[in-house]
Amino acid sequence: MWEAFTGSFGVRLEWCLMAAFAIDLVLGDPRWLPHPVRLIGRACTSLEAVLARVLGRGYVAGMLYTLVIVAGVWAVAAGLVGLAAAWDWRAGVAVQVLLLYTTLAARDLDVESRRVFLALEAGDLPRARGDLSQIVGRDTAGLDESEVVRAAVETVAENTVDGVVAPLVFALIGGAPAALAYKAINTLDSMVGHLDERYRKFGWASARLDDAANYLPARLARLLFPLASLACGLDAVRCWKVVWRDGHKSPSPNAGIPEAAVAGALGVRLGGVNYYQGAVLFRPFLGDPLQPLSRRHIPAAIRLMYVVAFLTLALGTAIRMLVWHDWS
């Protein structure tokens, strides 16, 4: 019954997820391929306009908005896998793998952040700023090289949880429907989970649900980053100390954990002053400035991301096979 719920239909979910992970490593996120997250974003925009017109932008409208999007995405994903499996179990497995693949972002995170690194290697700071602007929300036009590196390292660190660890955790629990529901939560937070007057009430439910959804994945990452640091030849002890010392300092209950872990592993200090549409926002310092930020820290952060991803998949697969071996 559990396999019908998660949608693996005759093939262990673990194998489906391993296949999806392998596809992500090879293909990444081709822009020509229709991506569910983009479709979710369009649905969010359309529903927001309707609810804001009918119910306003209060807490109730925001909670209904969050519920409809997340439940709707789960239902559509479960329906697609179920319909495909009703036709042929192999089709159900194929759809499951394809949908799981779309929830993972390891290769895309690598490609996008490595573009920044390669631009810096070529001595082209303006191009590095432009490439960085595609993956961060802060203003990038006036950043020097050190600040470009800091922004790139911070986004790799934070997205190790949002784009890799959390989707893997939800996929291991509930297959593609659960992983896509998580991506819907993450998308909602990025679109409406803001503190400005427009979204302070309407986006409250989306922001709180995103905090809750990332709570366990972020704390799993707190344990895995030191192991990844050890595998990468970095300072695992300092990584462990810094993540426990500084991981709670961020205004977000989750984002500071991977950033502090990466700062500790690399021996650098992250955080500081950021600008968003000209407005100044200070983020608490994480880590110790044992060495200045340099471009080589970007590929180092990418390596950490990959090792954390492999550890999450390996650990989650082992636990699932041990705990749920009678259900497949």
C-alpha atoms as a PDB file:
ATOM      1  CA  MET A   1       0.000   0.000   0.000  1.00  0.00           C
ATOM      2  CA  TRP A   2       2.844   2.394   0.835  1.00  0.00           C
ATOM      3  CA  GLU A   3       4.394   1.865  -2.585  1.00  0.00           C
ATOM      4  CA  ALA A   4       1.095   2.773  -4.221  1.00  0.00           C
ATOM      5  CA  PHE A   5       1.021   5.927  -2.101  1.00  0.00           C
ATOM      6  CA  THR A   6       4.543   6.945  -3.080  1.00  0.00           C
ATOM      7  CA  GLY A   7       4.094   5.805  -6.638  1.00  0.00           C
ATOM      8  CA  SER A   8       6.920   3.342  -7.278  1.00  0.00           C
ATOM      9  CA  PHE A   9       4.626   0.468  -8.331  1.00  0.00           C
ATOM     10  CA  GLY A  10       6.735  -2.651  -8.335  1.00  0.00           C
ATOM     11  CA  VAL A  11      10.165  -0.994  -8.251  1.00  0.00           C
ATOM     12  CA  ARG A  12      11.671   0.142  -4.983  1.00  0.00           C
ATOM     13  CA  LEU A  13      11.432   3.874  -4.500  1.00  0.00           C
ATOM     14  CA  GLU A  14      15.117   3.931  -3.592  1.00  0.00           C
ATOM     15  CA  TRP A  15      16.052   2.725  -7.083  1.00  0.00           C
ATOM     16  CA  CYS A  16      13.771   5.301  -8.670  1.00  0.00           C
ATOM     17  CA  LEU A  17      15.444   8.050  -6.672  1.00  0.00           C
ATOM     18  CA  MET A  18      18.937   6.812  -7.509  1.00  0.00           C
ATOM     19  CA  ALA A  19      18.007   6.877 -11.200  1.00  0.00           C
ATOM     20  CA  ALA A  20      16.597  10.393 -10.854  1.00  0.00           C
ATOM     21  CA  PHE A  21      19.737  11.552  -9.044  1.00  0.00           C
ATOM     22  CA  ALA A  22      21.927  10.110 -11.797  1.00  0.00           C
ATOM     23  CA  ILE A  23      19.869  11.865 -14.479  1.00  0.00           C
ATOM     24  CA  ASP A  24      20.235  15.164 -12.634  1.00  0.00           C
ATOM     25  CA  LEU A  25      24.012  14.723 -12.473  1.00  0.00           C
ATOM     26  CA  VAL A  26      24.115  14.177 -16.244  1.00  0.00           C
ATOM     27  CA  LEU A  27      21.481  16.601 -17.531  1.00  0.00           C
ATOM     28  CA  GLY A  28      21.002  19.254 -14.888  1.00  0.00           C
ATOM     29  CA  ASP A  29      18.139  21.586 -15.777  1.00  0.00           C
ATOM     30  CA  PRO A  30      17.995  22.094 -19.573  1.00  0.00           C
ATOM     31  CA  ARG A  31      16.083  25.290 -20.318  1.00  0.00           C
ATOM     32  CA  TRP A  32      14.253  23.638 -23.214  1.00  0.00           C
ATOM     33  CA  LEU A  33      12.674  21.065 -20.887  1.00  0.00           C
ATOM     34  CA  PRO A  34       9.371  22.183 -19.295  1.00  0.00           C
ATOM     35  CA  HIS A  35      10.040  22.315 -15.562  1.00  0.00           C
ATOM     36  CA  PRO A  36       7.354  21.758 -12.899  1.00  0.00           C
ATOM     37  CA  VAL A  37       8.725  24.577 -10.735  1.00  0.00           C
ATOM     38  CA  ARG A  38       8.093  27.076 -13.516  1.00  0.00           C
ATOM     39  CA  LEU A  39       4.559  25.732 -13.897  1.00  0.00           C
ATOM     40  CA  ILE A  40       4.082  25.963 -10.121  1.00  0.00           C
ATOM     41  CA  GLY A  41       5.249  29.580 -10.246  1.00  0.00           C
ATOM     42  CA  ARG A  42       2.661  30.424 -12.884  1.00  0.00           C
ATOM     43  CA  ALA A  43      -0.062  28.734 -10.860  1.00  0.00           C
ATOM     44  CA  CYS A  44       1.016  30.725  -7.785  1.00  0.00           C
ATOM     45  CA  THR A  45       0.831  34.015  -9.688  1.00  0.00           C
ATOM     46  CA  SER A  46      -2.611  33.257 -11.102  1.00  0.00           C
ATOM     47  CA  LEU A  47      -4.101  32.089  -7.801  1.00  0.00           C
ATOM     48  CA  GLU A  48      -2.618  35.039  -5.907  1.00  0.00           C
ATOM     49  CA  ALA A  49      -4.356  37.472  -8.234  1.00  0.00           C
ATOM     50  CA  VAL A  50      -7.717  35.705  -7.772  1.00  0.00           C
ATOM     51  CA  LEU A  51      -7.520  35.386  -3.984  1.00  0.00           C
ATOM     52  CA  ALA A  52      -6.245  38.928  -3.480  1.00  0.00           C
ATOM     53  CA  ARG A  53      -9.213  40.230  -5.463  1.00  0.00           C
ATOM     54  CA  VAL A  54     -11.788  38.065  -3.669  1.00  0.00           C
ATOM     55  CA  LEU A  55     -10.433  37.752  -0.104  1.00  0.00           C
ATOM     56  CA  GLY A  56      -7.791  40.456   0.133  1.00  0.00           C
ATOM     57  CA  ARG A  57      -4.245  39.936   1.407  1.00  0.00           C
ATOM     58  CA  GLY A  58      -4.843  38.837   4.959  1.00  0.00           C
ATOM     59  CA  TYR A  59      -3.776  35.743   6.863  1.00  0.00           C
ATOM     60  CA  VAL A  60      -6.822  33.696   5.862  1.00  0.00           C
ATOM     61  CA  ALA A  61      -6.292  34.311   2.159  1.00  0.00           C
ATOM     62  CA  GLY A  62      -2.617  33.459   2.534  1.00  0.00           C
ATOM     63  CA  MET A  63      -3.331  30.199   4.343  1.00  0.00           C
ATOM     64  CA  LEU A  64      -5.888  29.165   1.718  1.00  0.00           C
ATOM     65  CA  TYR A  65      -3.409  30.103  -1.017  1.00  0.00           C
ATOM     66  CA  THR A  66      -0.691  27.944   0.536  1.00  0.00           C
ATOM     67  CA  LEU A  67      -3.023  24.996   1.113  1.00  0.00           C
ATOM     68  CA  VAL A  68      -4.425  25.005  -2.425  1.00  0.00           C
ATOM     69  CA  ILE A  69      -1.009  25.201  -4.114  1.00  0.00           C
ATOM     70  CA  VAL A  70       0.747  22.568  -1.977  1.00  0.00           C
ATOM     71  CA  ALA A  71      -2.159  20.114  -1.907  1.00  0.00           C
ATOM     72  CA  GLY A  72      -2.830  20.711  -5.598  1.00  0.00           C
ATOM     73  CA  VAL A  73       0.763  19.996  -6.602  1.00  0.00           C
ATOM     74  CA  TRP A  74       0.807  16.799  -4.510  1.00  0.00           C
ATOM     75  CA  ALA A  75      -2.481  15.645  -6.038  1.00  0.00           C
ATOM     76  CA  VAL A  76      -1.407  16.357  -9.616  1.00  0.00           C
ATOM     77  CA  ALA A  77       1.905  14.523  -9.138  1.00  0.00           C
ATOM     78  CA  ALA A  78       0.217  11.526  -7.503  1.00  0.00           C
ATOM     79  CA  GLY A  79      -2.405  11.499 -10.241  1.00  0.00           C
ATOM     80  CA  LEU A  80       0.172  11.560 -13.031  1.00  0.00           C
ATOM     81  CA  VAL A  81       2.132   8.680 -11.566  1.00  0.00           C
ATOM     82  CA  GLY A  82      -1.038   6.737 -10.786  1.00  0.00           C
ATOM     83  CA  LEU A  83      -2.521   7.162 -14.258  1.00  0.00           C
ATOM     84  CA  ALA A  84       0.744   6.162 -15.911  1.00  0.00           C
ATOM     85  CA  ALA A  85       1.004   3.067 -13.686  1.00  0.00           C
ATOM     86  CA  ALA A  86      -2.616   2.113 -14.404  1.00  0.00           C
ATOM     87  CA  TRP A  87      -1.689   1.953 -18.076  1.00  0.00           C
ATOM     88  CA  ASP A  88       1.602   0.111 -17.512  1.00  0.00           C
ATOM     89  CA  TRP A  89       3.688  -0.272 -14.361  1.00  0.00           C
ATOM     90  CA  ARG A  90       6.813   0.639 -16.307  1.00  0.00           C
ATOM     91  CA  ALA A  91       5.202   3.901 -17.367  1.00  0.00           C
ATOM     92  CA  GLY A  92       4.429   4.607 -13.707  1.00  0.00           C
ATOM     93  CA  VAL A  93       8.060   4.062 -12.770  1.00  0.00           C
ATOM     94  CA  ALA A  94       9.245   6.231 -15.676  1.00  0.00           C
ATOM     95  CA  VAL A  95       6.961   9.109 -14.655  1.00  0.00           C
ATOM     96  CA  GLN A  96       8.040   8.711 -11.026  1.00  0.00           C
ATOM     97  CA  VAL A  97      11.723   8.926 -12.007  1.00  0.00           C
ATOM     98  CA  LEU A  98      11.144  11.888 -14.327  1.00  0.00           C
ATOM     99  CA  LEU A  99       9.237  13.856 -11.682  1.00  0.00           C
ATOM    100  CA  LEU A 100      11.823  13.050  -9.016  1.00  0.00           C
ATOM    101  CA  TYR A 101      14.570  14.240 -11.334  1.00  0.00           C
ATOM    102  CA  THR A 102      12.884  17.635 -11.705  1.00  0.00           C
ATOM    103  CA  THR A 103      12.979  18.203  -7.944  1.00  0.00           C
ATOM    104  CA  LEU A 104      16.774  17.900  -7.693  1.00  0.00           C
ATOM    105  CA  ALA A 105      19.107  20.813  -8.388  1.00  0.00           C
ATOM    106  CA  ALA A 106      22.649  19.621  -7.664  1.00  0.00           C
ATOM    107  CA  ARG A 107      23.952  19.834 -11.227  1.00  0.00           C
ATOM    108  CA  ASP A 108      22.176  23.114 -11.953  1.00  0.00           C
ATOM    109  CA  LEU A 109      23.576  24.657  -8.758  1.00  0.00           C
ATOM    110  CA  ASP A 110      27.021  23.518  -9.872  1.00  0.00           C
ATOM    111  CA  VAL A 111      26.641  24.929 -13.397  1.00  0.00           C
ATOM    112  CA  GLU A 112      25.241  28.304 -12.337  1.00  0.00           C
ATOM    113  CA  SER A 113      27.739  28.973  -9.546  1.00  0.00           C
ATOM    114  CA  ARG A 114      30.654  27.652 -11.603  1.00  0.00           C
ATOM    115  CA  ARG A 115      29.856  30.256 -14.261  1.00  0.00           C
ATOM    116  CA  VAL A 116      30.640  32.911 -11.670  1.00  0.00           C
ATOM    117  CA  PHE A 117      33.912  31.171 -10.821  1.00  0.00           C
ATOM    118  CA  LEU A 118      34.944  30.854 -14.494  1.00  0.00           C
ATOM    119  CA  ALA A 119      34.190  34.538 -15.115  1.00  0.00           C
ATOM    120  CA  LEU A 120      36.400  35.479 -12.170  1.00  0.00           C
ATOM    121  CA  GLU A 121      39.117  33.128 -13.431  1.00  0.00           C
ATOM    122  CA  ALA A 122      38.963  34.954 -16.770  1.00  0.00           C
ATOM    123  CA  GLY A 123      39.340  38.301 -14.999  1.00  0.00           C
ATOM    124  CA  ASP A 124      35.864  39.401 -16.116  1.00  0.00           C
ATOM    125  CA  LEU A 125      34.300  40.867 -12.973  1.00  0.00           C
ATOM    126  CA  PRO A 126      31.315  42.476 -14.794  1.00  0.00           C
ATOM    127  CA  ARG A 127      30.374  39.087 -16.296  1.00  0.00           C
ATOM    128  CA  ALA A 128      30.790  37.445 -12.896  1.00  0.00           C
ATOM    129  CA  ARG A 129      28.397  40.003 -11.404  1.00  0.00           C
ATOM    130  CA  GLY A 130      25.903  39.359 -14.187  1.00  0.00           C
ATOM    131  CA  ASP A 131      26.093  35.593 -13.788  1.00  0.00           C
ATOM    132  CA  LEU A 132      25.757  35.974 -10.016  1.00  0.00           C
ATOM    133  CA  SER A 133      22.601  38.061 -10.432  1.00  0.00           C
ATOM    134  CA  GLN A 134      20.917  35.003 -11.965  1.00  0.00           C
ATOM    135  CA  ILE A 135      21.230  32.969  -8.766  1.00  0.00           C
ATOM    136  CA  VAL A 136      20.963  35.495  -5.910  1.00  0.00           C
ATOM    137  CA  GLY A 137      18.371  38.083  -4.956  1.00  0.00           C
ATOM    138  CA  ARG A 138      20.785  40.757  -3.745  1.00  0.00           C
ATOM    139  CA  ASP A 139      22.100  43.651  -5.840  1.00  0.00           C
ATOM    140  CA  THR A 140      25.308  42.606  -7.585  1.00  0.00           C
ATOM    141  CA  ALA A 141      26.261  45.562  -9.784  1.00  0.00           C
ATOM    142  CA  GLY A 142      28.713  47.159  -7.340  1.00  0.00           C
ATOM    143  CA  LEU A 143      30.240  44.065  -5.735  1.00  0.00           C
ATOM    144  CA  ASP A 144      33.997  43.584  -5.682  1.00  0.00           C
ATOM    145  CA  GLU A 145      35.493  40.124  -6.269  1.00  0.00           C
ATOM    146  CA  SER A 146      35.472  39.157  -2.602  1.00  0.00           C
ATOM    147  CA  GLU A 147      31.783  40.024  -2.257  1.00  0.00           C
ATOM    148  CA  VAL A 148      30.963  38.158  -5.466  1.00  0.00           C
ATOM    149  CA  VAL A 149      32.680  35.088  -4.022  1.00  0.00           C
ATOM    150  CA  ARG A 150      30.846  35.486  -0.717  1.00  0.00           C
ATOM    151  CA  ALA A 151      27.474  35.658  -2.449  1.00  0.00           C
ATOM    152  CA  ALA A 152      28.242  32.621  -4.602  1.00  0.00           C
ATOM    153  CA  VAL A 153      29.468  30.545  -1.654  1.00  0.00           C
ATOM    154  CA  GLU A 154      26.461  31.540   0.457  1.00  0.00           C
ATOM    155  CA  THR A 155      23.970  30.575  -2.244  1.00  0.00           C
ATOM    156  CA  VAL A 156      25.687  27.214  -2.837  1.00  0.00           C
ATOM    157  CA  ALA A 157      25.593  26.554   0.914  1.00  0.00           C
ATOM    158  CA  GLU A 158      21.954  27.530   1.429  1.00  0.00           C
ATOM    159  CA  ASN A 159      20.762  25.732  -1.700  1.00  0.00           C
ATOM    160  CA  THR A 160      22.535  22.560  -0.636  1.00  0.00           C
ATOM    161  CA  VAL A 161      19.572  22.211   1.732  1.00  0.00           C
ATOM    162  CA  ASP A 162      16.807  23.798  -0.382  1.00  0.00           C
ATOM    163  CA  GLY A 163      17.814  22.266  -3.695  1.00  0.00           C
ATOM    164  CA  VAL A 164      19.349  18.934  -2.737  1.00  0.00           C
ATOM    165  CA  VAL A 165      18.989  17.645   0.832  1.00  0.00           C
ATOM    166  CA  ALA A 166      15.345  18.574   1.438  1.00  0.00           C
ATOM    167  CA  PRO A 167      14.020  17.226  -1.904  1.00  0.00           C
ATOM    168  CA  LEU A 168      15.907  13.973  -1.281  1.00  0.00           C
ATOM    169  CA  VAL A 169      14.453  13.669   2.226  1.00  0.00           C
ATOM    170  CA  PHE A 170      10.882  14.293   1.057  1.00  0.00           C
ATOM    171  CA  ALA A 171      11.349  11.964  -1.909  1.00  0.00           C
ATOM    172  CA  LEU A 172      12.555   9.176   0.370  1.00  0.00           C
ATOM    173  CA  ILE A 173       9.503   9.663   2.593  1.00  0.00           C
ATOM    174  CA  GLY A 174       6.788  10.061  -0.015  1.00  0.00           C
ATOM    175  CA  GLY A 175       8.124   9.730  -3.531  1.00  0.00           C
ATOM    176  CA  ALA A 176       7.658  12.284  -6.290  1.00  0.00           C
ATOM    177  CA  PRO A 177       4.370  13.689  -4.905  1.00  0.00           C
ATOM    178  CA  ALA A 178       6.019  14.604  -1.591  1.00  0.00           C
ATOM    179  CA  ALA A 179       9.161  15.971  -3.258  1.00  0.00           C
ATOM    180  CA  LEU A 180       7.117  18.147  -5.606  1.00  0.00           C
ATOM    181  CA  ALA A 181       4.943  19.338  -2.717  1.00  0.00           C
ATOM    182  CA  TYR A 182       8.174  20.436  -1.033  1.00  0.00           C
ATOM    183  CA  LYS A 183       9.239  22.286  -4.190  1.00  0.00           C
ATOM    184  CA  ALA A 184       5.838  24.011  -4.155  1.00  0.00           C
ATOM    185  CA  ILE A 185       6.446  25.113  -0.548  1.00  0.00           C
ATOM    186  CA  ASN A 186       9.895  26.400  -1.484  1.00  0.00           C
ATOM    187  CA  THR A 187       8.512  28.251  -4.504  1.00  0.00           C
ATOM    188  CA  LEU A 188       5.751  29.840  -2.446  1.00  0.00           C
ATOM    189  CA  ASP A 189       8.268  31.112   0.080  1.00  0.00           C
ATOM    190  CA  SER A 190      10.452  32.652  -2.621  1.00  0.00           C
ATOM    191  CA  MET A 191       7.446  34.367  -4.211  1.00  0.00           C
ATOM    192  CA  VAL A 192       5.404  35.613  -1.261  1.00  0.00           C
ATOM    193  CA  GLY A 193       7.337  34.839   1.940  1.00  0.00           C
ATOM    194  CA  HIS A 194       8.491  38.435   2.375  1.00  0.00           C
ATOM    195  CA  LEU A 195       8.198  40.944   5.205  1.00  0.00           C
ATOM    196  CA  ASP A 196       7.121  43.934   3.105  1.00  0.00           C
ATOM    197  CA  GLU A 197       3.649  45.417   3.453  1.00  0.00           C
ATOM    198  CA  ARG A 198       2.299  43.552   0.419  1.00  0.00           C
ATOM    199  CA  TYR A 199       3.147  40.076   1.720  1.00  0.00           C
ATOM    200  CA  ARG A 200       3.577  40.450   5.488  1.00  0.00           C
ATOM    201  CA  LYS A 201       0.189  38.807   6.161  1.00  0.00           C
ATOM    202  CA  PHE A 202      -0.546  37.071   2.862  1.00  0.00           C
ATOM    203  CA  GLY A 203       2.834  35.335   2.755  1.00  0.00           C
ATOM    204  CA  TRP A 204       2.999  34.458   6.457  1.00  0.00           C
ATOM    205  CA  ALA A 205       1.688  30.886   6.055  1.00  0.00           C
ATOM    206  CA  SER A 206       3.988  30.158   3.110  1.00  0.00           C
ATOM    207  CA  ALA A 207       7.048  31.417   4.992  1.00  0.00           C
ATOM    208  CA  ARG A 208       6.224  29.469   8.153  1.00  0.00           C
ATOM    209  CA  LEU A 209       5.513  26.283   6.210  1.00  0.00           C
ATOM    210  CA  ASP A 210       8.855  26.627   4.416  1.00  0.00           C
ATOM    211  CA  ASP A 211      10.607  26.999   7.784  1.00  0.00           C
ATOM    212  CA  ALA A 212       8.879  23.843   9.017  1.00  0.00           C
ATOM    213  CA  ALA A 213       9.606  21.858   5.848  1.00  0.00           C
ATOM    214  CA  ASN A 214      13.317  22.696   5.976  1.00  0.00           C
ATOM    215  CA  TYR A 215      13.742  22.190   9.721  1.00  0.00           C
ATOM    216  CA  LEU A 216      14.785  18.528   9.675  1.00  0.00           C
ATOM    217  CA  PRO A 217      16.735  18.649   6.368  1.00  0.00           C
ATOM    218  CA  ALA A 218      18.796  21.590   7.679  1.00  0.00           C
ATOM    219  CA  ARG A 219      19.626  19.723  10.871  1.00  0.00           C
ATOM    220  CA  LEU A 220      20.521  16.624   8.924  1.00  0.00           C
ATOM    221  CA  ALA A 221      22.869  18.815   6.905  1.00  0.00           C
ATOM    222  CA  ARG A 222      24.410  20.040  10.161  1.00  0.00           C
ATOM    223  CA  LEU A 223      25.518  16.463  10.799  1.00  0.00           C
ATOM    224  CA  LEU A 224      26.531  15.671   7.214  1.00  0.00           C
ATOM    225  CA  PHE A 225      28.622  18.759   6.416  1.00  0.00           C
ATOM    226  CA  PRO A 226      31.443  17.801   8.822  1.00  0.00           C
ATOM    227  CA  LEU A 227      31.562  14.336   7.242  1.00  0.00           C
ATOM    228  CA  ALA A 228      31.628  15.932   3.801  1.00  0.00           C
ATOM    229  CA  SER A 229      34.419  18.266   4.950  1.00  0.00           C
ATOM    230  CA  LEU A 230      36.451  15.262   6.042  1.00  0.00           C
ATOM    231  CA  ALA A 231      35.909  13.579   2.660  1.00  0.00           C
ATOM    232  CA  CYS A 232      36.955  16.767   0.849  1.00  0.00           C
ATOM    233  CA  GLY A 233      40.138  17.198   2.876  1.00  0.00           C
ATOM    234  CA  LEU A 234      38.800  20.264   4.685  1.00  0.00           C
ATOM    235  CA  ASP A 235      38.651  21.035   8.401  1.00  0.00           C
ATOM    236  CA  ALA A 236      35.847  18.813   9.711  1.00  0.00           C
ATOM    237  CA  VAL A 237      36.446  19.760  13.356  1.00  0.00           C
ATOM    238  CA  ARG A 238      36.169  23.487  12.670  1.00  0.00           C
ATOM    239  CA  CYS A 239      33.116  22.845  10.481  1.00  0.00           C
ATOM    240  CA  TRP A 240      31.442  21.041  13.397  1.00  0.00           C
ATOM    241  CA  LYS A 241      32.345  23.761  15.905  1.00  0.00           C
ATOM    242  CA  VAL A 242      31.252  26.671  13.724  1.00  0.00           C
ATOM    243  CA  VAL A 243      27.953  25.137  12.626  1.00  0.00           C
ATOM    244  CA  TRP A 244      26.949  24.586  16.260  1.00  0.00           C
ATOM    245  CA  ARG A 245      28.271  27.978  17.344  1.00  0.00           C
ATOM    246  CA  ASP A 246      26.938  30.164  14.514  1.00  0.00           C
ATOM    247  CA  GLY A 247      24.232  28.158  12.767  1.00  0.00           C
ATOM    248  CA  HIS A 248      21.455  29.762  14.808  1.00  0.00           C
ATOM    249  CA  LYS A 249      22.531  33.367  14.169  1.00  0.00           C
ATOM    250  CA  SER A 250      20.684  33.844  10.877  1.00  0.00           C
ATOM    251  CA  PRO A 251      17.174  35.385  10.981  1.00  0.00           C
ATOM    252  CA  SER A 252      16.056  32.197   9.230  1.00  0.00           C
ATOM    253  CA  PRO A 253      15.880  29.141  11.511  1.00  0.00           C
ATOM    254  CA  ASN A 254      17.449  27.035   8.752  1.00  0.00           C
ATOM    255  CA  ALA A 255      19.555  29.072   6.299  1.00  0.00           C
ATOM    256  CA  GLY A 256      22.318  29.827   8.779  1.00  0.00           C
ATOM    257  CA  ILE A 257      23.107  26.150   9.358  1.00  0.00           C
ATOM    258  CA  PRO A 258      24.552  25.245   5.938  1.00  0.00           C
ATOM    259  CA  GLU A 259      26.197  28.660   5.593  1.00  0.00           C
ATOM    260  CA  ALA A 260      27.905  28.327   8.965  1.00  0.00           C
ATOM    261  CA  ALA A 261      28.987  24.777   8.114  1.00  0.00           C
ATOM    262  CA  VAL A 262      30.571  25.866   4.840  1.00  0.00           C
ATOM    263  CA  ALA A 263      32.207  28.884   6.491  1.00  0.00           C
ATOM    264  CA  GLY A 264      33.753  26.600   9.106  1.00  0.00           C
ATOM    265  CA  ALA A 265      34.922  24.014   6.593  1.00  0.00           C
ATOM    266  CA  LEU A 266      36.560  26.642   4.371  1.00  0.00           C
ATOM    267  CA  GLY A 267      37.993  28.752   7.196  1.00  0.00           C
ATOM    268  CA  VAL A 268      36.266  31.921   5.974  1.00  0.00           C
ATOM    269  CA  ARG A 269      33.714  34.385   7.304  1.00  0.00           C
ATOM    270  CA  LEU A 270      30.350  34.715   5.585  1.00  0.00           C
ATOM    271  CA  GLY A 271      27.575  37.217   6.213  1.00  0.00           C
ATOM    272  CA  GLY A 272      27.768  40.992   6.290  1.00  0.00           C
ATOM    273  CA  VAL A 273      26.060  43.821   4.423  1.00  0.00           C
ATOM    274  CA  ASN A 274      23.839  42.997   1.447  1.00  0.00           C
ATOM    275  CA  TYR A 275      21.796  45.335  -0.727  1.00  0.00           C
ATOM    276  CA  TYR A 276      18.343  44.478  -2.042  1.00  0.00           C
ATOM    277  CA  GLN A 277      16.982  47.016  -4.534  1.00  0.00           C
ATOM    278  CA  GLY A 278      19.144  49.613  -2.833  1.00  0.00           C
ATOM    279  CA  ALA A 279      17.984  48.759   0.705  1.00  0.00           C
ATOM    280  CA  VAL A 280      20.691  47.730   3.184  1.00  0.00           C
ATOM    281  CA  LEU A 281      20.305  44.430   5.020  1.00  0.00           C
ATOM    282  CA  PHE A 282      22.914  43.138   7.462  1.00  0.00           C
ATOM    283  CA  ARG A 283      23.341  39.391   7.903  1.00  0.00           C
ATOM    284  CA  PRO A 284      25.158  38.133  11.025  1.00  0.00           C
ATOM    285  CA  PHE A 285      28.737  37.020  10.530  1.00  0.00           C
ATOM    286  CA  LEU A 286      29.226  33.264  10.344  1.00  0.00           C
ATOM    287  CA  GLY A 287      32.619  31.602  10.729  1.00  0.00           C
ATOM    288  CA  ASP A 288      36.045  33.092  11.340  1.00  0.00           C
ATOM    289  CA  PRO A 289      38.139  35.030   8.795  1.00  0.00           C
ATOM    290  CA  LEU A 290      41.127  32.680   8.982  1.00  0.00           C
ATOM    291  CA  GLN A 291      41.758  33.374   5.306  1.00  0.00           C
ATOM    292  CA  PRO A 292      40.351  35.907   2.838  1.00  0.00           C
ATOM    293  CA  LEU A 293      37.581  34.823   0.510  1.00  0.00           C
ATOM    294  CA  SER A 294      38.965  33.924  -2.901  1.00  0.00           C
ATOM    295  CA  ARG A 295      37.551  32.472  -6.099  1.00  0.00           C
ATOM    296  CA  ARG A 296      38.833  28.976  -5.258  1.00  0.00           C
ATOM    297  CA  HIS A 297      36.275  28.803  -2.446  1.00  0.00           C
ATOM    298  CA  ILE A 298      33.436  28.554  -4.994  1.00  0.00           C
ATOM    299  CA  PRO A 299      34.454  25.125  -6.408  1.00  0.00           C
ATOM    300  CA  ALA A 300      35.294  24.040  -2.856  1.00  0.00           C
ATOM    301  CA  ALA A 301      31.717  24.831  -1.788  1.00  0.00           C
ATOM    302  CA  ILE A 302      30.416  22.966  -4.851  1.00  0.00           C
ATOM    303  CA  ARG A 303      32.408  19.867  -3.887  1.00  0.00           C
ATOM    304  CA  LEU A 304      30.957  20.019  -0.388  1.00  0.00           C
ATOM    305  CA  MET A 305      27.470  20.256  -1.876  1.00  0.00           C
ATOM    306  CA  TYR A 306      27.987  17.129  -3.969  1.00  0.00           C
ATOM    307  CA  VAL A 307      29.386  15.085  -1.083  1.00  0.00           C
ATOM    308  CA  VAL A 308      26.511  16.144   1.188  1.00  0.00           C
ATOM    309  CA  ALA A 309      24.102  15.127  -1.588  1.00  0.00           C
ATOM    310  CA  PHE A 310      25.681  11.672  -1.926  1.00  0.00           C
ATOM    311  CA  LEU A 311      25.704  11.200   1.846  1.00  0.00           C
ATOM    312  CA  THR A 312      22.032  12.175   2.097  1.00  0.00           C
ATOM    313  CA  LEU A 313      21.071   9.743  -0.636  1.00  0.00           C
ATOM    314  CA  ALA A 314      23.175   6.926   0.805  1.00  0.00           C
ATOM    315  CA  LEU A 315      21.998   7.412   4.390  1.00  0.00           C
ATOM    316  CA  GLY A 316      18.363   7.884   3.425  1.00  0.00           C
ATOM    317  CA  THR A 317      18.383   4.860   1.151  1.00  0.00           C
ATOM    318  CA  ALA A 318      19.963   2.667   3.825  1.00  0.00           C
ATOM    319  CA  ILE A 319      17.442   3.773   6.462  1.00  0.00           C
ATOM    320  CA  ARG A 320      14.498   3.295   4.132  1.00  0.00           C
ATOM    321  CA  MET A 321      15.602  -0.173   3.100  1.00  0.00           C
ATOM    322  CA  LEU A 322      16.047  -1.190   6.735  1.00  0.00           C
ATOM    323  CA  VAL A 323      12.867   0.353   8.100  1.00  0.00           C
ATOM    324  CA  TRP A 324      10.463  -0.186   5.204  1.00  0.00           C
ATOM    325  CA  HIS A 325      11.869  -3.346   3.674  1.00  0.00           C
ATOM    326  CA  ASP A 326       8.583  -5.203   4.159  1.00  0.00           C
ATOM    327  CA  TRP A 327       6.583  -2.535   2.330  1.00  0.00           C
ATOM    328  CA  SER A 328       8.109  -2.904  -1.143  1.00  0.00           C
END
